Amino acid sequence: MLLTDREKNVLRLVVDGKHNRQIAEILGIKVNTVKSYKTRIGWKYRKFGIRNLNHLMALYRKKKKEEGNAADEIIKLINEENSRSGYQNQ
């Protein structure tokens, strides 16, 4: 799995349109911690050609399906890209 459970939670809230302060309140963490998680998510995906969270969202919108959770679809798309690239998270 490329993302930790906490990173997935942060990503889901970002996809839902939540701001850093809202994410922090929901998860019971500090705003700077949210920013740190978002940075880590970005770094993990840069090696696969994804420049930032906005680029990640654009990829999702391009391949958006009628049903399903947006964040889960993004994670699925990234994991598929990981498989094609031969990346395996140890």
C-alpha atoms as a PDB file:
ATOM      1  CA  MET A   1       0.000   0.000   0.000  1.00  0.00           C
ATOM      2  CA  LEU A   2       1.442   3.306  -1.042  1.00  0.00           C
ATOM      3  CA  LEU A   3      -0.392   5.542   1.426  1.00  0.00           C
ATOM      4  CA  THR A   4      -0.718   5.040   5.158  1.00  0.00           C
ATOM      5  CA  ASP A   5      -4.227   4.902   6.592  1.00  0.00           C
ATOM      6  CA  ARG A   6      -3.843   8.438   7.982  1.00  0.00           C
ATOM      7  CA  GLU A   7      -2.643   9.738   4.602  1.00  0.00           C
ATOM      8  CA  LYS A   8      -5.674   8.133   2.959  1.00  0.00           C
ATOM      9  CA  ASN A   9      -7.943   9.838   5.509  1.00  0.00           C
ATOM     10  CA  VAL A  10      -6.341  13.201   4.748  1.00  0.00           C
ATOM     11  CA  LEU A  11      -6.606  12.588   0.991  1.00  0.00           C
ATOM     12  CA  ARG A  12     -10.281  11.654   1.272  1.00  0.00           C
ATOM     13  CA  LEU A  13     -11.001  14.877   3.148  1.00  0.00           C
ATOM     14  CA  VAL A  14      -9.031  16.929   0.601  1.00  0.00           C
ATOM     15  CA  VAL A  15     -11.046  15.324  -2.197  1.00  0.00           C
ATOM     16  CA  ASP A  16     -14.227  16.168  -0.279  1.00  0.00           C
ATOM     17  CA  GLY A  17     -13.164  19.813  -0.464  1.00  0.00           C
ATOM     18  CA  LYS A  18     -12.162  20.256   3.172  1.00  0.00           C
ATOM     19  CA  HIS A  19      -9.613  22.929   4.098  1.00  0.00           C
ATOM     20  CA  ASN A  20      -6.587  22.256   6.301  1.00  0.00           C
ATOM     21  CA  ARG A  21      -8.271  23.620   9.438  1.00  0.00           C
ATOM     22  CA  GLN A  22     -11.369  21.488   8.844  1.00  0.00           C
ATOM     23  CA  ILE A  23      -9.271  18.376   8.239  1.00  0.00           C
ATOM     24  CA  ALA A  24      -7.332  19.054  11.454  1.00  0.00           C
ATOM     25  CA  GLU A  25     -10.542  19.380  13.463  1.00  0.00           C
ATOM     26  CA  ILE A  26     -12.078  16.235  11.987  1.00  0.00           C
ATOM     27  CA  LEU A  27      -8.960  14.122  12.572  1.00  0.00           C
ATOM     28  CA  GLY A  28      -8.043  15.708  15.910  1.00  0.00           C
ATOM     29  CA  ILE A  29      -4.609  16.841  14.749  1.00  0.00           C
ATOM     30  CA  LYS A  30      -2.865  20.188  14.248  1.00  0.00           C
ATOM     31  CA  VAL A  31      -3.072  22.169  11.012  1.00  0.00           C
ATOM     32  CA  ASN A  32       0.699  21.842  10.525  1.00  0.00           C
ATOM     33  CA  THR A  33       0.336  18.060  10.779  1.00  0.00           C
ATOM     34  CA  VAL A  34      -2.275  18.157   8.019  1.00  0.00           C
ATOM     35  CA  LYS A  35       0.122  20.173   5.868  1.00  0.00           C
ATOM     36  CA  SER A  36       2.856  17.636   6.588  1.00  0.00           C
ATOM     37  CA  TYR A  37       0.619  14.747   5.493  1.00  0.00           C
ATOM     38  CA  LYS A  38      -0.324  16.584   2.303  1.00  0.00           C
ATOM     39  CA  THR A  39       3.349  17.202   1.564  1.00  0.00           C
ATOM     40  CA  ARG A  40       4.172  13.518   2.091  1.00  0.00           C
ATOM     41  CA  ILE A  41       1.311  12.484  -0.183  1.00  0.00           C
ATOM     42  CA  GLY A  42       2.679  14.833  -2.833  1.00  0.00           C
ATOM     43  CA  TRP A  43       6.233  13.508  -2.532  1.00  0.00           C
ATOM     44  CA  LYS A  44       5.065   9.909  -2.825  1.00  0.00           C
ATOM     45  CA  TYR A  45       3.242  10.655  -6.053  1.00  0.00           C
ATOM     46  CA  ARG A  46       5.848  12.913  -7.693  1.00  0.00           C
ATOM     47  CA  LYS A  47       7.929   9.888  -8.634  1.00  0.00           C
ATOM     48  CA  PHE A  48       4.993   8.787 -10.796  1.00  0.00           C
ATOM     49  CA  GLY A  49       4.727  12.074 -12.658  1.00  0.00           C
ATOM     50  CA  ILE A  50       2.025  13.619 -10.497  1.00  0.00           C
ATOM     51  CA  ARG A  51       3.103  17.174  -9.723  1.00  0.00           C
ATOM     52  CA  ASN A  52       0.773  18.076  -6.828  1.00  0.00           C
ATOM     53  CA  LEU A  53      -2.669  17.488  -5.344  1.00  0.00           C
ATOM     54  CA  ASN A  54      -4.267  19.673  -8.018  1.00  0.00           C
ATOM     55  CA  HIS A  55      -2.707  17.480 -10.711  1.00  0.00           C
ATOM     56  CA  LEU A  56      -3.927  14.410  -8.828  1.00  0.00           C
ATOM     57  CA  MET A  57      -7.467  15.828  -8.803  1.00  0.00           C
ATOM     58  CA  ALA A  58      -7.249  16.651 -12.506  1.00  0.00           C
ATOM     59  CA  LEU A  59      -6.307  13.043 -13.231  1.00  0.00           C
ATOM     60  CA  TYR A  60      -9.293  11.875 -11.266  1.00  0.00           C
ATOM     61  CA  ARG A  61     -11.691  14.236 -13.026  1.00  0.00           C
ATOM     62  CA  LYS A  62     -10.363  13.049 -16.381  1.00  0.00           C
ATOM     63  CA  LYS A  63     -11.190   9.442 -15.506  1.00  0.00           C
ATOM     64  CA  LYS A  64     -14.171  10.108 -13.259  1.00  0.00           C
ATOM     65  CA  LYS A  65     -16.757   7.389 -13.018  1.00  0.00           C
ATOM     66  CA  GLU A  66     -20.470   7.801 -12.439  1.00  0.00           C
ATOM     67  CA  GLU A  67     -20.310   6.029  -9.072  1.00  0.00           C
ATOM     68  CA  GLY A  68     -17.846   5.526  -6.282  1.00  0.00           C
ATOM     69  CA  ASN A  69     -15.912   7.479  -3.724  1.00  0.00           C
ATOM     70  CA  ALA A  70     -13.669  10.066  -5.364  1.00  0.00           C
ATOM     71  CA  ALA A  71     -10.730   9.476  -3.023  1.00  0.00           C
ATOM     72  CA  ASP A  72     -10.975   5.712  -3.413  1.00  0.00           C
ATOM     73  CA  GLU A  73     -10.944   6.149  -7.187  1.00  0.00           C
ATOM     74  CA  ILE A  74      -7.856   8.362  -6.975  1.00  0.00           C
ATOM     75  CA  ILE A  75      -6.078   5.839  -4.764  1.00  0.00           C
ATOM     76  CA  LYS A  76      -7.059   3.064  -7.177  1.00  0.00           C
ATOM     77  CA  LEU A  77      -5.747   5.035 -10.191  1.00  0.00           C
ATOM     78  CA  ILE A  78      -2.459   5.729  -8.421  1.00  0.00           C
ATOM     79  CA  ASN A  79      -2.053   2.114  -7.344  1.00  0.00           C
ATOM     80  CA  GLU A  80      -2.639   1.039 -10.952  1.00  0.00           C
ATOM     81  CA  GLU A  81       0.070   3.474 -12.048  1.00  0.00           C
ATOM     82  CA  ASN A  82       2.348   2.072  -9.352  1.00  0.00           C
ATOM     83  CA  SER A  83       1.799  -1.430 -10.720  1.00  0.00           C
ATOM     84  CA  ARG A  84       2.656  -0.312 -14.241  1.00  0.00           C
ATOM     85  CA  SER A  85       5.787   1.444 -12.959  1.00  0.00           C
ATOM     86  CA  GLY A  86       6.883  -1.595 -10.975  1.00  0.00           C
ATOM     87  CA  TYR A  87       6.769   0.284  -7.639  1.00  0.00           C
ATOM     88  CA  GLN A  88       6.223  -1.818  -4.547  1.00  0.00           C
ATOM     89  CA  ASN A  89       5.907  -0.240  -1.117  1.00  0.00           C
ATOM     90  CA  GLN A  90       7.796  -2.370   1.383  1.00  0.00           C
END
